[in-house]
Amino acid sequence: MSGLAQVLRCDVVASPIAAGELASLVSSPEVGAVVTFSGDVRRFDHGREVRALAYEGHPTAARILGEVAADIASRFDVLALAVVHRVGDLEIGDTALAAAVAAEHRGEAFQACLALVDLTKERLPVWKHQWFVDGTDEWVNCA
């Protein structure tokens, strides 16, 4: 019964995002499980303290995220999903990537959410620029 999921939100935005808002969006009386993911900016990355962070997206980022969402919606037996990635300047604790998947049962919801996050990180043309307290910085070629 895969391929029936609705993609209820799929955005690349500069404003704050929250996984809880996406969970509310995908929830309905038919849903038995909602799995969410919140990818948040952490204070330390590979042992270095992060001072600041920014994401930059290619103009095709929203279209590609839509393709990713449609792919997951067609491959998993889920009812609804939503995914949003943030661009611009973020602070420690801000959410950079949020996703929510609703299904009748938890197994499919977990599997689809994991696949949604992994495929987003693999395909989305968004780059992370981190500045560290020690004065160094780096670009990371993935969401």
Protein backbone atom coordinates (compact mmCIF):
# COMPACT_ATOMS: atom_id res chain seq x y z
CA MET A 1 0.00 0.00 0.00
CA SER A 2 2.94 2.36 -0.46
CA GLY A 3 2.67 5.47 -2.58
CA LEU A 4 -0.38 7.01 -0.91
CA ALA A 5 1.39 9.45 1.40
CA GLN A 6 0.67 13.15 1.21
CA VAL A 7 3.61 15.55 1.29
CA LEU A 8 2.05 18.26 3.44
CA ARG A 9 5.04 20.58 3.68
CA CYS A 10 8.38 20.69 1.93
CA ASP A 11 10.35 23.93 2.27
CA VAL A 12 13.76 25.54 2.42
CA VAL A 13 13.30 28.61 4.64
CA ALA A 14 15.26 31.36 6.38
CA SER A 15 12.94 31.51 9.40
CA PRO A 16 13.03 29.31 12.52
CA ILE A 17 11.55 25.81 12.22
CA ALA A 18 10.32 23.23 14.73
CA ALA A 19 9.74 19.49 14.41
CA GLY A 20 6.71 19.75 16.71
CA GLU A 21 4.92 21.99 14.22
CA LEU A 22 5.50 19.42 11.49
CA ALA A 23 4.26 16.63 13.78
CA SER A 24 1.00 18.53 14.31
CA LEU A 25 0.69 19.04 10.56
CA VAL A 26 0.97 15.34 9.65
CA SER A 27 -1.15 14.02 12.50
CA SER A 28 -4.75 12.93 11.93
CA PRO A 29 -7.27 10.46 13.39
CA GLU A 30 -6.04 7.80 10.91
CA VAL A 31 -2.47 8.03 12.21
CA GLY A 32 -1.17 5.53 14.74
CA ALA A 33 2.42 6.82 14.85
CA VAL A 34 4.18 10.10 14.20
CA VAL A 35 7.98 10.07 14.12
CA THR A 36 9.84 13.37 14.11
CA PHE A 37 13.43 14.40 13.61
CA SER A 38 15.00 17.64 14.74
CA GLY A 39 18.55 18.25 13.53
CA ASP A 40 19.83 20.98 15.82
CA VAL A 41 22.97 23.11 15.85
CA ARG A 42 25.27 21.69 18.51
CA ARG A 43 27.90 23.55 20.52
CA PHE A 44 30.71 21.11 19.67
CA ASP A 45 31.54 19.50 16.33
CA HIS A 46 34.33 16.92 16.28
CA GLY A 47 35.73 18.31 19.54
CA ARG A 48 35.79 21.95 18.43
CA GLU A 49 33.51 24.56 19.95
CA VAL A 50 31.23 26.19 17.39
CA ARG A 51 31.00 30.00 17.54
CA ALA A 52 28.67 30.58 14.59
CA LEU A 53 27.08 28.66 11.74
CA ALA A 54 25.36 29.49 8.46
CA TYR A 55 23.71 27.39 5.77
CA GLU A 56 23.68 28.41 2.12
CA GLY A 57 21.36 26.74 -0.36
CA HIS A 58 21.54 26.43 -4.13
CA PRO A 59 18.53 27.93 -5.97
CA THR A 60 17.39 24.35 -6.77
CA ALA A 61 17.32 23.28 -3.11
CA ALA A 62 13.54 23.54 -2.65
CA ARG A 63 12.86 21.59 -5.87
CA ILE A 64 15.30 18.86 -4.90
CA LEU A 65 13.84 18.62 -1.40
CA GLY A 66 10.44 18.16 -3.07
CA GLU A 67 11.86 15.31 -5.15
CA VAL A 68 13.28 13.69 -2.02
CA ALA A 69 9.94 13.98 -0.20
CA ALA A 70 8.02 12.56 -3.17
CA ASP A 71 10.47 9.66 -3.41
CA ILE A 72 10.01 8.75 0.26
CA ALA A 73 6.23 9.19 0.02
CA SER A 74 6.13 6.73 -2.89
CA ARG A 75 8.41 4.09 -1.33
CA PHE A 76 6.97 3.75 2.18
CA ASP A 77 3.59 2.76 3.55
CA VAL A 78 3.00 6.09 5.31
CA LEU A 79 0.08 8.51 5.37
CA ALA A 80 1.78 11.91 5.42
CA LEU A 81 5.14 13.57 5.73
CA ALA A 82 6.70 16.99 6.02
CA VAL A 83 10.31 18.19 5.81
CA VAL A 84 11.90 21.63 6.15
CA HIS A 85 15.53 22.77 5.99
CA ARG A 86 16.69 26.15 7.21
CA VAL A 87 19.21 28.45 5.53
CA GLY A 88 20.92 31.58 6.80
CA ASP A 89 22.54 32.29 10.16
CA LEU A 90 21.68 29.86 12.96
CA GLU A 91 22.56 29.86 16.64
CA ILE A 92 23.45 26.99 18.94
CA GLY A 93 20.24 25.04 19.62
CA ASP A 94 18.41 26.21 16.50
CA THR A 95 16.83 23.54 14.33
CA ALA A 96 18.47 23.21 10.91
CA LEU A 97 16.44 20.26 9.59
CA ALA A 98 13.03 19.09 10.77
CA ALA A 99 11.01 16.16 9.51
CA ALA A 100 7.82 14.37 10.52
CA VAL A 101 6.32 11.18 9.15
CA ALA A 102 2.89 9.78 9.99
CA ALA A 103 1.84 6.17 9.47
CA GLU A 104 -0.64 3.66 10.78
CA HIS A 105 2.19 1.81 12.55
CA ARG A 106 5.49 2.85 14.15
CA GLY A 107 7.79 0.62 12.10
CA GLU A 108 7.03 2.27 8.78
CA ALA A 109 7.03 5.72 10.38
CA PHE A 110 10.52 5.18 11.85
CA GLN A 111 11.91 3.67 8.65
CA ALA A 112 10.48 6.40 6.44
CA CYS A 113 11.66 9.21 8.72
CA LEU A 114 15.18 7.79 8.78
CA ALA A 115 15.17 7.44 4.99
CA LEU A 116 13.78 10.96 4.59
CA VAL A 117 16.53 12.49 6.72
CA ASP A 118 19.30 10.41 5.14
CA LEU A 119 18.21 11.13 1.57
CA THR A 120 17.81 14.83 2.36
CA LYS A 121 21.35 14.98 3.73
CA GLU A 122 22.63 13.07 0.70
CA ARG A 123 20.91 15.07 -2.04
CA LEU A 124 20.05 18.55 -0.77
CA PRO A 125 22.38 21.21 -2.21
CA VAL A 126 22.86 23.09 1.05
CA TRP A 127 26.30 23.86 2.48
CA LYS A 128 27.19 24.49 6.09
CA HIS A 129 29.81 27.08 7.04
CA GLN A 130 30.99 26.78 10.63
CA TRP A 131 33.19 29.17 12.56
CA PHE A 132 34.93 27.84 15.65
CA VAL A 133 35.99 29.49 18.89
CA ASP A 134 39.64 28.65 18.08
CA GLY A 135 39.48 30.99 15.03
CA THR A 136 39.21 28.28 12.37
CA ASP A 137 36.29 27.68 10.04
CA GLU A 138 35.12 25.01 7.62
CA TRP A 139 32.61 24.37 4.87
CA VAL A 140 30.74 21.08 4.89
CA ASN A 141 29.20 19.90 1.62
CA CYS A 142 26.03 18.43 3.04
CA ALA A 143 22.92 19.43 4.88
